[in-house]
Protein backbone atom coordinates (compact mmCIF):
# COMPACT_ATOMS: atom_id res chain seq x y z
CA MET A 1 29.93 176.73 205.76
CA SER A 2 30.95 173.05 204.94
CA GLU A 3 27.20 172.71 204.43
CA GLU A 4 27.03 175.23 201.45
CA LEU A 5 30.19 173.66 199.44
CA ASP A 6 28.46 170.31 200.19
CA ARG A 7 25.39 172.39 198.23
CA GLY A 8 27.09 173.83 195.95
CA ALA A 9 29.44 170.16 194.21
CA ALA A 10 26.08 168.68 194.21
CA GLY A 11 26.19 170.73 191.25
CA PRO A 12 22.62 172.14 189.83
CA PRO A 13 19.34 171.06 190.96
CA ARG A 14 17.87 168.60 188.83
CA THR A 15 14.72 169.90 186.55
CA LEU A 16 12.07 168.43 184.66
CA LEU A 17 11.45 170.28 181.40
CA ILE A 18 6.93 169.98 181.14
CA ALA A 19 6.63 170.78 176.83
CA CYS A 20 4.05 170.77 174.40
CA GLY A 21 5.35 167.65 171.86
CA ALA A 22 5.47 170.47 169.23
CA LEU A 23 8.57 171.53 170.92
CA ALA A 24 10.40 168.32 171.91
CA ARG A 25 12.82 168.66 168.57
CA GLU A 26 14.35 172.08 169.33
CA VAL A 27 14.10 171.44 173.89
CA VAL A 28 16.26 167.48 172.47
CA GLU A 29 18.78 169.69 170.98
CA LEU A 30 18.88 172.91 173.42
CA ILE A 31 19.82 170.39 176.45
CA ARG A 32 22.00 168.24 173.97
CA LEU A 33 24.05 171.88 172.88
CA ASN A 34 24.59 173.41 176.45
CA GLY A 35 25.08 170.13 177.73
CA TRP A 36 23.02 170.91 180.72
CA GLN A 37 23.37 166.43 181.92
CA HIS A 38 20.43 168.01 184.88
CA MET A 39 17.75 168.80 182.63
CA SER A 40 15.34 165.94 181.82
CA VAL A 41 12.03 166.62 179.14
CA THR A 42 9.15 165.29 178.77
CA CYS A 43 6.41 166.45 176.57
CA LEU A 44 2.66 165.80 176.12
CA PRO A 45 0.39 165.39 172.97
CA ALA A 46 1.28 168.69 170.42
CA HIS A 47 -2.08 167.17 169.05
CA TRP A 48 -3.54 168.90 172.27
CA HIS A 49 -3.35 172.09 170.92
CA ASN A 50 -6.65 171.15 168.73
CA ARG A 51 -8.52 170.36 172.48
CA PRO A 52 -6.94 172.80 175.15
CA GLU A 53 -8.99 172.26 178.11
CA LYS A 54 -6.80 169.35 178.32
CA ILE A 55 -3.76 171.11 178.07
CA PRO A 56 -4.55 172.20 182.43
CA GLU A 57 -5.13 169.33 183.22
CA GLY A 58 -2.39 167.36 181.14
CA VAL A 59 -0.03 169.55 182.40
CA ARG A 60 -0.55 168.94 185.99
CA ALA A 61 -0.97 164.68 186.09
CA LYS A 62 2.90 165.59 184.88
CA ILE A 63 3.72 167.95 187.87
CA ARG A 64 2.61 165.90 190.90
CA GLU A 65 4.02 162.67 188.99
CA ALA A 66 7.42 164.37 188.10
CA ARG A 67 7.61 165.36 192.60
CA PRO A 68 8.97 162.32 193.97
CA ASP A 69 11.79 162.26 190.70
CA TYR A 70 12.82 166.46 190.57
CA GLU A 71 14.09 168.63 192.58
CA ARG A 72 12.93 171.25 189.83
CA ILE A 73 10.16 171.54 187.43
CA LEU A 74 9.65 174.70 184.17
CA VAL A 75 6.96 174.01 182.28
CA LEU A 76 8.08 175.11 178.32
CA TYR A 77 3.76 176.07 176.88
CA GLY A 78 2.08 179.23 176.95
CA ASP A 79 -1.13 179.34 177.13
CA CYS A 80 -1.92 178.13 173.89
CA GLY A 81 -6.00 178.87 174.48
CA SER A 82 -6.32 177.55 178.01
CA GLY A 83 -8.33 180.77 178.39
CA GLY A 84 -5.90 181.94 182.00
CA LEU A 85 -6.67 177.93 182.95
CA LEU A 86 -2.83 176.92 182.33
CA ASP A 87 -1.73 179.65 184.72
CA LYS A 88 -3.88 178.84 187.16
CA VAL A 89 -3.01 175.32 188.00
CA LEU A 90 0.76 176.48 187.29
CA GLU A 91 0.26 178.96 190.52
CA GLU A 92 -1.66 175.99 192.66
CA GLU A 93 1.23 173.65 192.54
CA ALA A 94 4.19 176.67 192.62
CA VAL A 95 5.35 176.02 189.04
CA GLU A 96 6.47 178.48 186.00
CA ARG A 97 6.60 179.03 183.72
CA ILE A 98 8.32 180.16 180.55
CA ASN A 99 6.61 183.33 179.48
CA GLY A 100 4.29 184.54 176.71
CA PRO A 101 0.97 183.50 174.82
CA HIS A 102 2.09 180.33 172.91
CA CYS A 103 5.23 179.32 170.65
CA TYR A 104 5.10 181.35 168.47
CA ALA A 105 5.52 184.29 170.41
CA PHE A 106 8.63 183.92 172.49
CA PHE A 107 10.62 181.83 169.50
CA ARG A 108 10.82 185.29 167.16
CA GLY A 109 10.79 187.45 171.27
CA LEU A 110 7.64 188.70 172.83
CA HIS A 111 8.25 192.19 172.07
CA ASP A 112 8.26 191.55 168.12
CA PHE A 113 5.85 189.22 167.70
CA GLU A 114 3.76 191.82 169.64
CA ALA A 115 4.51 194.09 167.55
CA ILE A 116 4.22 191.17 163.71
CA ALA A 117 1.01 190.94 165.03
CA GLU A 118 -0.62 194.45 165.99
CA ALA A 119 1.05 195.30 162.59
CA ASP A 120 -0.45 192.17 160.57
CA PRO A 121 -3.72 190.64 162.26
CA PHE A 122 -4.20 188.00 159.12
CA CYS A 123 -1.33 186.29 159.28
CA PHE A 124 -0.64 183.33 159.83
CA TYR A 125 2.64 181.32 161.01
CA LEU A 126 4.67 177.99 161.21
CA THR A 127 7.60 177.50 163.13
CA ASP A 128 8.86 173.69 162.16
CA TYR A 129 7.86 171.60 163.57
CA MET A 130 4.43 172.97 161.63
CA VAL A 131 6.70 172.64 158.60
CA ARG A 132 7.41 169.39 159.96
CA HIS A 133 3.22 168.39 159.35
CA PHE A 134 2.10 170.66 157.41
CA ASP A 135 -0.16 167.68 155.83
CA ARG A 136 -1.94 165.89 158.68
CA LEU A 137 -2.27 168.55 161.30
CA ILE A 138 -3.31 171.69 158.69
CA ILE A 139 -4.99 169.15 155.53
CA GLN A 140 -5.36 166.95 156.78
CA GLY A 141 -6.22 167.29 160.07
CA LEU A 142 -9.53 170.18 159.21
CA GLY A 143 -9.76 168.10 156.43
CA LEU A 144 -9.08 170.22 153.48
CA ASP A 145 -8.03 166.96 151.54
CA ARG A 146 -11.00 165.61 152.41
CA HIS A 147 -13.20 168.78 151.30
CA PRO A 148 -10.86 171.58 149.50
CA GLU A 149 -13.74 174.59 149.38
CA LEU A 150 -13.00 174.62 153.40
CA ARG A 151 -10.35 176.74 152.09
CA ASP A 152 -12.81 179.47 152.02
CA ALA A 153 -13.84 178.99 155.50
CA TYR A 154 -10.66 178.14 156.86
CA PHE A 155 -7.78 180.92 155.40
CA GLY A 156 -10.37 183.10 154.13
CA HIS A 157 -9.13 186.59 156.50
CA TYR A 158 -5.71 185.80 155.70
CA GLN A 159 -3.28 187.01 154.30
CA ARG A 160 0.38 186.22 154.71
CA LEU A 161 2.03 182.39 155.09
CA LEU A 162 5.02 184.32 158.00
CA TYR A 163 7.63 181.24 158.33
CA LEU A 164 9.98 181.56 162.04
CA ALA A 165 12.45 179.19 161.80
CA GLN A 166 14.55 178.07 164.23
CA THR A 167 17.00 175.85 162.11
CA ARG A 168 18.20 176.59 158.67
CA ASP A 169 16.73 174.13 156.10
CA GLU A 170 16.38 175.28 152.78
CA ALA A 171 13.98 171.72 152.57
CA LEU A 172 11.91 173.56 155.13
CA GLU A 173 12.04 176.33 153.91
CA ARG A 174 10.93 175.49 150.16
CA ARG A 175 7.75 173.09 152.27
CA ALA A 176 6.24 176.24 153.79
CA ALA A 177 6.19 178.62 150.53
CA ALA A 178 4.54 175.33 149.08
CA ALA A 179 2.34 176.05 151.76
CA ALA A 180 1.57 179.12 151.77
CA GLU A 181 1.00 178.80 147.94
CA ARG A 182 -1.71 175.38 148.93
CA LEU A 183 -3.41 178.20 151.26
CA GLY A 184 -3.15 180.99 148.68
CA LEU A 185 -1.73 182.94 151.07
CA SER A 186 1.78 184.73 150.04
CA TYR A 187 4.46 183.79 152.30
CA GLU A 188 7.72 184.96 154.24
CA TYR A 189 10.49 183.31 155.99
CA HIS A 190 12.21 184.88 160.01
CA PHE A 191 14.61 183.05 161.12
CA THR A 192 14.23 183.15 165.06
CA GLY A 193 16.32 180.25 166.62
CA TYR A 194 15.29 179.64 169.33
CA GLY A 195 14.92 182.75 170.64
CA GLU A 196 13.46 183.25 174.32
CA LEU A 197 13.18 179.73 174.57
CA GLY A 198 16.70 179.56 174.08
CA ASP A 199 17.18 182.77 176.67
CA TYR A 200 14.61 180.61 179.36
CA LEU A 201 16.02 177.52 178.92
CA ALA A 202 19.58 179.23 179.98
CA ALA A 203 18.82 181.20 182.57
CA ALA A 204 17.22 178.20 184.53
CA GLY A 205 20.03 176.23 183.79
């Protein structure tokens, strides 16, 4: 009985959250708002979404580096284009991740996102992170600043830009609307908050 009390008094397990760099701001804010002092976060580069083959082994390296110092490790990545390879690594390392294919889905909610995607497969999504870094990630990253004629090659099949917002920020809303206009897409705004990312961490906390 005394051993059980000692374990209870010790508090929740020291937990490391391994996250995509595109989620860093949101994860840090959730930790702060909820006072989860037992949780720490480390991130892999957000631009690895352009090289998803790097994500599985990058996550594995973080897991193995952290094991001596943490009692629990959670991964805040969707599949993110790894073609199931991330889940294979996590199975081998006995570590779980948040459910969903990508951050758009768990910010919006998996069920709702699937319905949106099915109803409108020609939709381009932005999150707060992508709005903040739109020029670097999209315009410069795809070379549209140098070759604007590539716009049709990249976005010709899209019809709508949907901003899934984590915060209520009028400046970001204006920038998202401007991004839609720049890409020649109609614009729509949905406030999601932290969505299932918040729910997942609350359940883990």
